[in-house]
Structure formats: structure tokens, C-alpha cells
C-alpha atoms as a PDB file:
ATOM      1  CA  MET A   1      49.179  -6.980  24.492  1.00  0.00           C
ATOM      2  CA  PRO A   2      47.500  -3.971  22.808  1.00  0.00           C
ATOM      3  CA  GLU A   3      46.111  -1.275  25.030  1.00  0.00           C
ATOM      4  CA  THR A   4      42.310  -1.095  25.250  1.00  0.00           C
ATOM      5  CA  LYS A   5      40.873   2.133  23.903  1.00  0.00           C
ATOM      6  CA  HIS A   6      37.838   3.650  25.559  1.00  0.00           C
ATOM      7  CA  ILE A   7      35.375   5.461  23.376  1.00  0.00           C
ATOM      8  CA  THR A   8      34.363   8.760  24.914  1.00  0.00           C
ATOM      9  CA  SER A   9      31.724   9.823  22.417  1.00  0.00           C
ATOM     10  CA  PRO A  10      28.627  11.630  23.650  1.00  0.00           C
ATOM     11  CA  MET A  11      25.597   9.543  24.536  1.00  0.00           C
ATOM     12  CA  PRO A  12      23.826   8.628  21.268  1.00  0.00           C
ATOM     13  CA  TYR A  13      20.393   8.429  22.918  1.00  0.00           C
ATOM     14  CA  ALA A  14      18.090  11.267  23.897  1.00  0.00           C
ATOM     15  CA  SER A  15      17.982  11.934  27.625  1.00  0.00           C
ATOM     16  CA  ASN A  16      15.059  13.174  29.699  1.00  0.00           C
ATOM     17  CA  GLY A  17      16.694  16.603  29.574  1.00  0.00           C
ATOM     18  CA  ASP A  18      16.704  16.448  25.771  1.00  0.00           C
ATOM     19  CA  PHE A  19      12.965  15.760  25.753  1.00  0.00           C
ATOM     20  CA  HIS A  20      12.304  18.559  28.257  1.00  0.00           C
ATOM     21  CA  ARG A  21      14.238  20.933  26.011  1.00  0.00           C
ATOM     22  CA  ILE A  22      12.389  19.788  22.875  1.00  0.00           C
ATOM     23  CA  PHE A  23       8.962  20.140  24.492  1.00  0.00           C
ATOM     24  CA  LYS A  24       9.927  23.580  25.836  1.00  0.00           C
ATOM     25  CA  GLU A  25      11.396  24.841  22.550  1.00  0.00           C
ATOM     26  CA  GLU A  26       8.549  23.465  20.424  1.00  0.00           C
ATOM     27  CA  LYS A  27       5.723  23.947  22.905  1.00  0.00           C
ATOM     28  CA  ASP A  28       3.562  25.980  20.519  1.00  0.00           C
ATOM     29  CA  SER A  29       3.863  23.649  17.529  1.00  0.00           C
ATOM     30  CA  LEU A  30       3.444  20.546  19.695  1.00  0.00           C
ATOM     31  CA  TYR A  31       0.344  22.057  21.314  1.00  0.00           C
ATOM     32  CA  ARG A  32      -1.098  22.896  17.883  1.00  0.00           C
ATOM     33  CA  LEU A  33      -0.511  19.306  16.807  1.00  0.00           C
ATOM     34  CA  SER A  34      -2.185  18.045  19.988  1.00  0.00           C
ATOM     35  CA  PHE A  35      -5.122  20.358  19.420  1.00  0.00           C
ATOM     36  CA  LEU A  36      -5.485  19.246  15.793  1.00  0.00           C
ATOM     37  CA  LEU A  37      -5.461  15.624  16.932  1.00  0.00           C
ATOM     38  CA  THR A  38      -7.970  16.077  19.748  1.00  0.00           C
ATOM     39  CA  ALA A  39     -10.078  19.134  18.743  1.00  0.00           C
ATOM     40  CA  ASP A  40     -10.349  19.998  22.437  1.00  0.00           C
ATOM     41  CA  GLN A  41      -8.181  22.335  24.548  1.00  0.00           C
ATOM     42  CA  GLU A  42      -8.259  20.214  27.708  1.00  0.00           C
ATOM     43  CA  LYS A  43      -7.519  16.990  25.827  1.00  0.00           C
ATOM     44  CA  ALA A  44      -4.760  18.758  23.882  1.00  0.00           C
ATOM     45  CA  HIS A  45      -3.090  19.777  27.145  1.00  0.00           C
ATOM     46  CA  GLN A  46      -3.421  16.232  28.525  1.00  0.00           C
ATOM     47  CA  CYS A  47      -2.018  14.876  25.267  1.00  0.00           C
ATOM     48  CA  LEU A  48       0.984  17.212  25.515  1.00  0.00           C
ATOM     49  CA  VAL A  49       1.728  16.202  29.111  1.00  0.00           C
ATOM     50  CA  SER A  50       1.278  12.501  28.343  1.00  0.00           C
ATOM     51  CA  GLY A  51       3.477  12.829  25.268  1.00  0.00           C
ATOM     52  CA  LEU A  52       6.318  14.251  27.350  1.00  0.00           C
ATOM     53  CA  GLU A  53       5.919  11.555  30.000  1.00  0.00           C
ATOM     54  CA  ASP A  54       5.802   8.802  27.376  1.00  0.00           C
ATOM     55  CA  SER A  55       8.875  10.202  25.631  1.00  0.00           C
ATOM     56  CA  MET A  56      10.831  10.109  28.878  1.00  0.00           C
ATOM     57  CA  LYS A  57       9.618   6.689  30.029  1.00  0.00           C
ATOM     58  CA  GLY A  58       9.707   4.954  26.658  1.00  0.00           C
ATOM     59  CA  SER A  59      12.374   3.013  24.881  1.00  0.00           C
ATOM     60  CA  PRO A  60      15.674   4.773  24.178  1.00  0.00           C
ATOM     61  CA  VAL A  61      15.616   6.932  21.054  1.00  0.00           C
ATOM     62  CA  PHE A  62      18.593   8.280  19.119  1.00  0.00           C
ATOM     63  CA  LYS A  63      19.101  11.997  19.707  1.00  0.00           C
ATOM     64  CA  GLU A  64      18.679  12.665  15.999  1.00  0.00           C
ATOM     65  CA  TRP A  65      15.186  11.138  16.164  1.00  0.00           C
ATOM     66  CA  ALA A  66      14.031  12.799  19.400  1.00  0.00           C
ATOM     67  CA  ARG A  67      12.024  15.615  17.767  1.00  0.00           C
ATOM     68  CA  LEU A  68      10.223  13.155  15.525  1.00  0.00           C
ATOM     69  CA  TRP A  69       9.672  10.837  18.497  1.00  0.00           C
ATOM     70  CA  ALA A  70       8.089  13.702  20.477  1.00  0.00           C
ATOM     71  CA  ARG A  71       5.487  14.130  17.743  1.00  0.00           C
ATOM     72  CA  TRP A  72       4.938  10.371  17.540  1.00  0.00           C
ATOM     73  CA  ALA A  73       4.422  10.247  21.320  1.00  0.00           C
ATOM     74  CA  LEU A  74       1.683  12.883  20.989  1.00  0.00           C
ATOM     75  CA  ARG A  75      -0.040  10.754  18.365  1.00  0.00           C
ATOM     76  CA  LEU A  76       0.159   7.690  20.592  1.00  0.00           C
ATOM     77  CA  SER A  77      -1.172   9.690  23.534  1.00  0.00           C
ATOM     78  CA  GLN A  78      -4.103  10.956  21.477  1.00  0.00           C
ATOM     79  CA  LYS A  79      -4.839   7.441  20.298  1.00  0.00           C
ATOM     80  CA  GLY A  80      -4.891   6.262  23.927  1.00  0.00           C
ATOM     81  CA  GLN A  81      -7.283   9.057  24.882  1.00  0.00           C
ATOM     82  CA  MET A  82      -9.635   8.113  22.063  1.00  0.00           C
ATOM     83  CA  SER A  83      -9.680   4.436  23.055  1.00  0.00           C
ATOM     84  CA  ARG A  84     -10.417   5.339  26.708  1.00  0.00           C
ATOM     85  CA  ALA A  85     -13.266   7.620  25.605  1.00  0.00           C
ATOM     86  CA  ASN A  86     -15.046   4.794  23.729  1.00  0.00           C
END
């Protein structure tokens, strides 16, 4: 009977630590994006925090897509803020 091989490749999905690192490394550009989306400093900060939380709690994302997903999470957060405001 052939021996079973175990694949020991790194995890293909972004971890919470990956998202923390991305939001830390790109804090300025992510904040600018949040501010452009909300046109308000307080809402931009809330959007940034919500984007990080949503990135960590959401569906698994490939590591290669994590930076793009972080920006998408900000957009979704802003959209949620706008719908709550109306």
C-alpha cells in the first residue's frame, strides 16, 4: 500500500494577524480611502475600525487577496454607515 503524503504548505488563507499587519502597514492609505468615502473624520475612523473587524470575522480570503479585501471591507463598512444614517 502506498504511503500517504502530508502536504505541509503554508496556510493559503489570510489570518487575523495578516489583517492586523495590513491595516498597520497601510494605515495612512486606508484612512485616506475611508475619509474619501465618508467625508468625515469620525466616520472615517469608525469605517477603518469596522473594516478591520469585518476582515477578521468575514469569510476566509486567500492571502494574495487580503490587501484588496481590506479595501473592499472599508467600502462595505462605509455602505453600512450610510444605510444606518438614512
